[in-house]
Amino acid sequence: MPDIAFPLDLIEAQRDWNRARAALVRRPVKTPELLNRLRTLGVGVAVHSFWETEDGKSPSAREDLRRRVSEMEKAEERLTDQQRRILTWVRRWVAEHGEAPTQRQIGQAVGLSSTGSVSYQLAKLEEANLIDRRSHGRGIALRW
């Protein structure tokens, strides 16, 4: 089965649910606020409109979302601050514009004056399996 392209808001909702769950596990006393947050986030993920699409109806889609978000979180833990800033900015750009930014745009946004420095950081993000670099177009594809 090919990789499913999950929408950014669904990925973020799953990540928020993961964080709330981890906070709940760490707490000696289960606060009602944290339990309510976990329930609310869980409902948001469960009723997301993506599940009505062809990809969303796949039997493995929900498990694939959980697995891929978990893998992404583990990879992101190993990023430098600069790489994290670049990845966050690129994700926002793609969500807003529907296409990847240029290396020059990335550099200007995160304070890198050299496209070579941007290219190096993008190579590190590719090694972490968070993006794919292409030889055509804008050259970046996010791996959600």
N, C-alpha and C. Protein backbone atom coordinates (compact mmCIF):
# COMPACT_ATOMS: atom_id res chain seq x y z
N MET A 1 0.84 -1.19 0.00
CA MET A 1 0.00 0.00 0.00
C MET A 1 0.89 1.25 0.00
N PRO A 2 0.65 2.20 -0.88
CA PRO A 2 1.46 3.42 -0.91
C PRO A 2 1.23 4.26 0.35
N ASP A 3 2.22 5.13 0.62
CA ASP A 3 2.08 6.02 1.76
C ASP A 3 0.86 6.91 1.61
N ILE A 4 0.13 7.05 2.68
CA ILE A 4 -1.05 7.90 2.70
C ILE A 4 -0.61 9.33 3.02
N ALA A 5 -1.15 10.28 2.32
CA ALA A 5 -0.86 11.69 2.58
C ALA A 5 -1.87 12.22 3.60
N PHE A 6 -1.49 12.19 4.87
CA PHE A 6 -2.38 12.67 5.93
C PHE A 6 -2.36 14.19 5.96
N PRO A 7 -3.50 14.83 6.21
CA PRO A 7 -3.53 16.29 6.32
C PRO A 7 -2.79 16.76 7.58
N LEU A 8 -2.19 17.93 7.46
CA LEU A 8 -1.38 18.48 8.56
C LEU A 8 -2.18 18.60 9.86
N ASP A 9 -3.43 19.06 9.79
CA ASP A 9 -4.19 19.24 11.03
C ASP A 9 -4.48 17.91 11.72
N LEU A 10 -4.62 16.84 10.95
CA LEU A 10 -4.82 15.51 11.54
C LEU A 10 -3.53 15.02 12.20
N ILE A 11 -2.41 15.25 11.54
CA ILE A 11 -1.12 14.87 12.13
C ILE A 11 -0.90 15.62 13.43
N GLU A 12 -1.17 16.92 13.41
CA GLU A 12 -1.00 17.73 14.62
C GLU A 12 -1.95 17.27 15.74
N ALA A 13 -3.17 16.92 15.39
CA ALA A 13 -4.12 16.43 16.40
C ALA A 13 -3.62 15.12 17.01
N GLN A 14 -3.08 14.23 16.19
CA GLN A 14 -2.54 12.97 16.70
C GLN A 14 -1.32 13.23 17.59
N ARG A 15 -0.48 14.17 17.18
CA ARG A 15 0.69 14.53 18.00
C ARG A 15 0.26 15.11 19.34
N ASP A 16 -0.76 15.99 19.33
CA ASP A 16 -1.27 16.56 20.57
C ASP A 16 -1.83 15.46 21.47
N TRP A 17 -2.54 14.50 20.88
CA TRP A 17 -3.08 13.38 21.65
C TRP A 17 -1.93 12.58 22.27
N ASN A 18 -0.88 12.32 21.50
CA ASN A 18 0.28 11.58 22.02
C ASN A 18 0.90 12.32 23.21
N ARG A 19 1.04 13.64 23.08
CA ARG A 19 1.63 14.43 24.17
C ARG A 19 0.74 14.40 25.42
N ALA A 20 -0.55 14.55 25.23
CA ALA A 20 -1.47 14.51 26.37
C ALA A 20 -1.44 13.14 27.04
N ARG A 21 -1.37 12.10 26.26
CA ARG A 21 -1.30 10.73 26.79
C ARG A 21 -0.02 10.53 27.59
N ALA A 22 1.10 11.02 27.05
CA ALA A 22 2.38 10.91 27.75
C ALA A 22 2.34 11.69 29.06
N ALA A 23 1.73 12.87 29.06
CA ALA A 23 1.61 13.67 30.28
C ALA A 23 0.74 12.94 31.30
N LEU A 24 -0.29 12.31 30.85
CA LEU A 24 -1.18 11.57 31.74
C LEU A 24 -0.46 10.40 32.39
N VAL A 25 0.36 9.71 31.62
CA VAL A 25 1.11 8.57 32.14
C VAL A 25 2.12 9.02 33.19
N ARG A 26 2.74 10.19 32.99
CA ARG A 26 3.76 10.69 33.92
C ARG A 26 3.19 11.24 35.22
N ARG A 27 1.92 11.59 35.24
CA ARG A 27 1.32 12.24 36.41
C ARG A 27 0.94 11.22 37.47
N PRO A 28 1.34 11.46 38.70
CA PRO A 28 0.93 10.55 39.76
C PRO A 28 -0.56 10.63 40.06
N VAL A 29 -1.13 11.83 39.87
CA VAL A 29 -2.56 12.03 40.07
C VAL A 29 -3.16 12.41 38.73
N LYS A 30 -4.14 11.66 38.30
CA LYS A 30 -4.77 11.91 37.00
C LYS A 30 -5.74 13.07 37.14
N THR A 31 -5.37 14.23 36.65
CA THR A 31 -6.22 15.40 36.80
C THR A 31 -7.39 15.34 35.83
N PRO A 32 -8.53 15.82 36.25
CA PRO A 32 -9.70 15.85 35.36
C PRO A 32 -9.45 16.67 34.09
N GLU A 33 -8.68 17.77 34.22
CA GLU A 33 -8.40 18.60 33.06
C GLU A 33 -7.63 17.82 32.00
N LEU A 34 -6.64 17.05 32.43
CA LEU A 34 -5.83 16.28 31.50
C LEU A 34 -6.65 15.15 30.86
N LEU A 35 -7.49 14.51 31.66
CA LEU A 35 -8.36 13.46 31.11
C LEU A 35 -9.34 14.04 30.09
N ASN A 36 -9.90 15.21 30.39
CA ASN A 36 -10.81 15.87 29.44
C ASN A 36 -10.09 16.26 28.16
N ARG A 37 -8.87 16.77 28.30
CA ARG A 37 -8.09 17.13 27.11
C ARG A 37 -7.82 15.91 26.24
N LEU A 38 -7.47 14.81 26.87
CA LEU A 38 -7.21 13.58 26.12
C LEU A 38 -8.47 13.12 25.38
N ARG A 39 -9.60 13.16 26.06
CA ARG A 39 -10.87 12.78 25.43
C ARG A 39 -11.20 13.70 24.25
N THR A 40 -11.06 14.99 24.45
CA THR A 40 -11.37 15.96 23.40
C THR A 40 -10.48 15.76 22.18
N LEU A 41 -9.19 15.58 22.43
CA LEU A 41 -8.27 15.34 21.32
C LEU A 41 -8.58 14.03 20.61
N GLY A 42 -8.91 13.01 21.38
CA GLY A 42 -9.25 11.72 20.79
C GLY A 42 -10.47 11.80 19.89
N VAL A 43 -11.46 12.56 20.33
CA VAL A 43 -12.67 12.74 19.52
C VAL A 43 -12.31 13.51 18.25
N GLY A 44 -11.46 14.54 18.38
CA GLY A 44 -11.06 15.32 17.22
C GLY A 44 -10.38 14.47 16.16
N VAL A 45 -9.53 13.55 16.59
CA VAL A 45 -8.87 12.65 15.65
C VAL A 45 -9.89 11.68 15.06
N ALA A 46 -10.74 11.14 15.90
CA ALA A 46 -11.70 10.11 15.45
C ALA A 46 -12.72 10.61 14.44
N VAL A 47 -13.12 11.86 14.55
CA VAL A 47 -14.19 12.36 13.66
C VAL A 47 -13.64 13.26 12.54
N HIS A 48 -12.35 13.29 12.37
CA HIS A 48 -11.75 14.14 11.33
C HIS A 48 -12.31 13.75 9.96
N SER A 49 -12.52 14.74 9.12
CA SER A 49 -13.11 14.50 7.80
C SER A 49 -12.23 13.62 6.91
N PHE A 50 -10.95 13.50 7.21
CA PHE A 50 -10.07 12.64 6.41
C PHE A 50 -10.57 11.20 6.37
N TRP A 51 -11.17 10.74 7.45
CA TRP A 51 -11.59 9.33 7.52
C TRP A 51 -12.72 9.02 6.54
N GLU A 52 -13.32 10.05 5.96
CA GLU A 52 -14.36 9.84 4.95
C GLU A 52 -13.80 9.76 3.53
N THR A 53 -12.50 10.04 3.37
CA THR A 53 -11.87 9.97 2.05
C THR A 53 -11.52 8.52 1.72
N GLU A 54 -11.15 8.29 0.47
CA GLU A 54 -10.77 6.94 0.03
C GLU A 54 -9.59 6.42 0.85
N ASP A 55 -8.55 7.24 1.01
CA ASP A 55 -7.39 6.82 1.81
C ASP A 55 -7.78 6.58 3.26
N GLY A 56 -8.65 7.43 3.79
CA GLY A 56 -9.06 7.31 5.18
C GLY A 56 -9.88 6.07 5.48
N LYS A 57 -10.53 5.53 4.46
CA LYS A 57 -11.35 4.33 4.65
C LYS A 57 -10.52 3.05 4.60
N SER A 58 -9.25 3.17 4.29
CA SER A 58 -8.36 2.01 4.26
C SER A 58 -8.33 1.37 5.65
N PRO A 59 -8.36 0.04 5.72
CA PRO A 59 -8.37 -0.63 7.03
C PRO A 59 -7.15 -0.30 7.90
N SER A 60 -6.03 0.01 7.27
CA SER A 60 -4.82 0.26 8.06
C SER A 60 -4.52 1.74 8.26
N ALA A 61 -5.37 2.62 7.80
CA ALA A 61 -5.07 4.05 7.83
C ALA A 61 -4.86 4.59 9.25
N ARG A 62 -5.72 4.23 10.17
CA ARG A 62 -5.59 4.77 11.54
C ARG A 62 -4.31 4.29 12.21
N GLU A 63 -4.00 3.03 12.02
CA GLU A 63 -2.75 2.51 12.59
C GLU A 63 -1.55 3.13 11.89
N ASP A 64 -1.65 3.35 10.59
CA ASP A 64 -0.57 3.99 9.85
C ASP A 64 -0.32 5.40 10.36
N LEU A 65 -1.39 6.14 10.65
CA LEU A 65 -1.24 7.49 11.21
C LEU A 65 -0.50 7.43 12.54
N ARG A 66 -0.93 6.56 13.43
CA ARG A 66 -0.28 6.46 14.74
C ARG A 66 1.20 6.08 14.61
N ARG A 67 1.49 5.11 13.75
CA ARG A 67 2.86 4.64 13.57
C ARG A 67 3.74 5.75 12.99
N ARG A 68 3.23 6.41 11.95
CA ARG A 68 4.04 7.43 11.29
C ARG A 68 4.26 8.65 12.17
N VAL A 69 3.26 9.03 12.95
CA VAL A 69 3.45 10.17 13.87
C VAL A 69 4.46 9.79 14.95
N SER A 70 4.41 8.58 15.44
CA SER A 70 5.37 8.13 16.44
C SER A 70 6.80 8.13 15.87
N GLU A 71 6.95 7.64 14.66
CA GLU A 71 8.27 7.65 14.01
C GLU A 71 8.78 9.07 13.81
N MET A 72 7.87 9.97 13.40
CA MET A 72 8.23 11.36 13.19
C MET A 72 8.68 12.00 14.50
N GLU A 73 7.97 11.74 15.57
CA GLU A 73 8.33 12.32 16.87
C GLU A 73 9.70 11.85 17.31
N LYS A 74 10.00 10.58 17.12
CA LYS A 74 11.31 10.05 17.50
C LYS A 74 12.42 10.68 16.68
N ALA A 75 12.19 10.85 15.38
CA ALA A 75 13.19 11.48 14.51
C ALA A 75 13.39 12.95 14.90
N GLU A 76 12.31 13.64 15.23
CA GLU A 76 12.40 15.06 15.57
C GLU A 76 13.14 15.29 16.89
N GLU A 77 13.13 14.32 17.78
CA GLU A 77 13.85 14.45 19.05
C GLU A 77 15.34 14.62 18.83
N ARG A 78 15.85 14.12 17.71
CA ARG A 78 17.29 14.16 17.44
C ARG A 78 17.71 15.37 16.60
N LEU A 79 16.78 16.26 16.28
CA LEU A 79 17.11 17.42 15.45
C LEU A 79 17.77 18.52 16.27
N THR A 80 18.59 19.31 15.58
CA THR A 80 19.13 20.52 16.20
C THR A 80 18.03 21.58 16.21
N ASP A 81 18.25 22.65 16.96
CA ASP A 81 17.27 23.74 16.99
C ASP A 81 17.07 24.33 15.59
N GLN A 82 18.16 24.49 14.86
CA GLN A 82 18.08 25.05 13.51
C GLN A 82 17.25 24.15 12.59
N GLN A 83 17.49 22.85 12.65
CA GLN A 83 16.74 21.90 11.83
C GLN A 83 15.27 21.90 12.21
N ARG A 84 14.99 22.01 13.49
CA ARG A 84 13.60 22.05 13.95
C ARG A 84 12.90 23.31 13.44
N ARG A 85 13.60 24.45 13.48
CA ARG A 85 13.03 25.70 12.97
C ARG A 85 12.73 25.60 11.48
N ILE A 86 13.66 25.02 10.74
CA ILE A 86 13.47 24.87 9.29
C ILE A 86 12.28 23.97 9.02
N LEU A 87 12.21 22.83 9.68
CA LEU A 87 11.11 21.89 9.44
C LEU A 87 9.77 22.51 9.79
N THR A 88 9.69 23.19 10.91
CA THR A 88 8.44 23.84 11.32
C THR A 88 8.03 24.90 10.31
N TRP A 89 8.99 25.71 9.88
CA TRP A 89 8.68 26.77 8.93
C TRP A 89 8.24 26.18 7.59
N VAL A 90 8.93 25.15 7.11
CA VAL A 90 8.57 24.53 5.83
C VAL A 90 7.17 23.93 5.92
N ARG A 91 6.85 23.27 7.02
CA ARG A 91 5.51 22.70 7.18
C ARG A 91 4.43 23.78 7.11
N ARG A 92 4.66 24.88 7.78
CA ARG A 92 3.68 25.97 7.74
C ARG A 92 3.55 26.54 6.34
N TRP A 93 4.68 26.71 5.68
CA TRP A 93 4.67 27.25 4.32
C TRP A 93 3.87 26.35 3.39
N VAL A 94 4.14 25.05 3.45
CA VAL A 94 3.45 24.10 2.58
C VAL A 94 1.96 24.09 2.88
N ALA A 95 1.60 24.13 4.15
CA ALA A 95 0.18 24.14 4.51
C ALA A 95 -0.51 25.40 3.99
N GLU A 96 0.20 26.51 3.99
CA GLU A 96 -0.38 27.78 3.56
C GLU A 96 -0.37 27.96 2.04
N HIS A 97 0.70 27.50 1.38
CA HIS A 97 0.88 27.77 -0.05
C HIS A 97 0.65 26.56 -0.96
N GLY A 98 0.63 25.37 -0.38
CA GLY A 98 0.39 24.18 -1.19
C GLY A 98 1.58 23.70 -1.98
N GLU A 99 2.73 24.29 -1.77
CA GLU A 99 3.96 23.86 -2.44
C GLU A 99 5.14 24.17 -1.53
N ALA A 100 6.27 23.55 -1.83
CA ALA A 100 7.45 23.75 -1.01
C ALA A 100 8.09 25.11 -1.30
N PRO A 101 8.74 25.70 -0.31
CA PRO A 101 9.46 26.96 -0.54
C PRO A 101 10.80 26.68 -1.23
N THR A 102 11.41 27.72 -1.74
CA THR A 102 12.75 27.59 -2.30
C THR A 102 13.77 27.60 -1.16
N GLN A 103 14.97 27.17 -1.46
CA GLN A 103 16.02 27.22 -0.44
C GLN A 103 16.31 28.65 -0.02
N ARG A 104 16.25 29.57 -0.95
CA ARG A 104 16.47 30.98 -0.62
C ARG A 104 15.40 31.47 0.36
N GLN A 105 14.14 31.11 0.13
CA GLN A 105 13.06 31.50 1.03
C GLN A 105 13.26 30.90 2.42
N ILE A 106 13.68 29.65 2.47
CA ILE A 106 13.94 29.00 3.76
C ILE A 106 15.05 29.75 4.50
N GLY A 107 16.13 30.04 3.80
CA GLY A 107 17.25 30.74 4.42
C GLY A 107 16.85 32.09 4.98
N GLN A 108 16.09 32.84 4.20
CA GLN A 108 15.63 34.16 4.67
C GLN A 108 14.75 34.02 5.90
N ALA A 109 13.91 33.00 5.93
CA ALA A 109 12.96 32.84 7.04
C ALA A 109 13.65 32.44 8.33
N VAL A 110 14.70 31.64 8.24
CA VAL A 110 15.34 31.13 9.47
C VAL A 110 16.70 31.76 9.75
N GLY A 111 17.08 32.74 8.94
CA GLY A 111 18.31 33.49 9.22
C GLY A 111 19.58 32.85 8.70
N LEU A 112 19.51 32.08 7.63
CA LEU A 112 20.71 31.53 7.00
C LEU A 112 20.96 32.30 5.71
N SER A 113 22.17 32.86 5.56
CA SER A 113 22.43 33.68 4.38
C SER A 113 22.90 32.86 3.18
N SER A 114 23.32 31.64 3.40
CA SER A 114 23.85 30.81 2.33
C SER A 114 22.88 29.68 1.98
N THR A 115 22.61 29.53 0.67
CA THR A 115 21.77 28.40 0.27
C THR A 115 22.51 27.09 0.49
N GLY A 116 23.83 27.15 0.55
CA GLY A 116 24.61 25.95 0.88
C GLY A 116 24.33 25.48 2.30
N SER A 117 24.18 26.43 3.23
CA SER A 117 23.83 26.08 4.61
C SER A 117 22.44 25.48 4.68
N VAL A 118 21.51 26.05 3.92
CA VAL A 118 20.15 25.52 3.86
C VAL A 118 20.20 24.11 3.29
N SER A 119 20.95 23.93 2.22
CA SER A 119 21.05 22.61 1.59
C SER A 119 21.60 21.58 2.57
N TYR A 120 22.59 21.96 3.35
CA TYR A 120 23.16 21.05 4.35
C TYR A 120 22.10 20.65 5.38
N GLN A 121 21.35 21.62 5.87
CA GLN A 121 20.32 21.33 6.87
C GLN A 121 19.21 20.46 6.27
N LEU A 122 18.85 20.71 5.01
CA LEU A 122 17.84 19.88 4.35
C LEU A 122 18.34 18.45 4.18
N ALA A 123 19.62 18.30 3.90
CA ALA A 123 20.20 16.95 3.78
C ALA A 123 20.08 16.22 5.11
N LYS A 124 20.30 16.93 6.21
CA LYS A 124 20.17 16.30 7.54
C LYS A 124 18.71 15.92 7.81
N LEU A 125 17.77 16.76 7.39
CA LEU A 125 16.35 16.43 7.56
C LEU A 125 15.98 15.22 6.70
N GLU A 126 16.60 15.11 5.54
CA GLU A 126 16.34 13.95 4.69
C GLU A 126 16.92 12.68 5.34
N GLU A 127 18.11 12.78 5.92
CA GLU A 127 18.70 11.64 6.63
C GLU A 127 17.80 11.18 7.77
N ALA A 128 17.12 12.12 8.40
CA ALA A 128 16.21 11.80 9.51
C ALA A 128 14.87 11.27 8.99
N ASN A 129 14.73 11.20 7.67
CA ASN A 129 13.52 10.67 7.03
C ASN A 129 12.29 11.55 7.26
N LEU A 130 12.52 12.86 7.39
CA LEU A 130 11.42 13.80 7.61
C LEU A 130 11.03 14.53 6.34
N ILE A 131 11.94 14.57 5.37
CA ILE A 131 11.63 15.15 4.06
C ILE A 131 12.25 14.26 2.99
N ASP A 132 11.79 14.46 1.77
CA ASP A 132 12.42 13.87 0.59
C ASP A 132 12.90 15.02 -0.26
N ARG A 133 14.10 14.89 -0.80
CA ARG A 133 14.59 15.92 -1.72
C ARG A 133 14.46 15.37 -3.12
N ARG A 134 13.96 16.19 -4.01
CA ARG A 134 13.73 15.79 -5.39
C ARG A 134 14.70 16.54 -6.30
N SER A 135 14.88 16.00 -7.48
CA SER A 135 15.76 16.66 -8.43
C SER A 135 14.99 17.61 -9.35
N HIS A 136 13.69 17.76 -9.14
CA HIS A 136 12.88 18.63 -9.98
C HIS A 136 12.00 19.52 -9.12
N GLY A 137 11.39 20.50 -9.73
CA GLY A 137 10.49 21.39 -9.00
C GLY A 137 11.23 22.16 -7.92
N ARG A 138 10.60 22.34 -6.80
CA ARG A 138 11.20 23.09 -5.70
C ARG A 138 12.19 22.25 -4.90
N GLY A 139 12.17 20.94 -5.14
CA GLY A 139 13.19 20.09 -4.56
C GLY A 139 12.93 19.51 -3.20
N ILE A 140 11.77 19.81 -2.58
CA ILE A 140 11.50 19.31 -1.23
C ILE A 140 10.10 18.70 -1.20
N ALA A 141 9.99 17.56 -0.59
CA ALA A 141 8.68 16.96 -0.33
C ALA A 141 8.66 16.56 1.13
N LEU A 142 7.67 17.00 1.87
CA LEU A 142 7.55 16.63 3.27
C LEU A 142 7.10 15.18 3.38
N ARG A 143 7.63 14.48 4.36
CA ARG A 143 7.18 13.12 4.62
C ARG A 143 6.32 13.19 5.86
N TRP A 144 5.03 13.21 5.67
CA TRP A 144 4.11 13.30 6.79
C TRP A 144 3.95 11.95 7.34
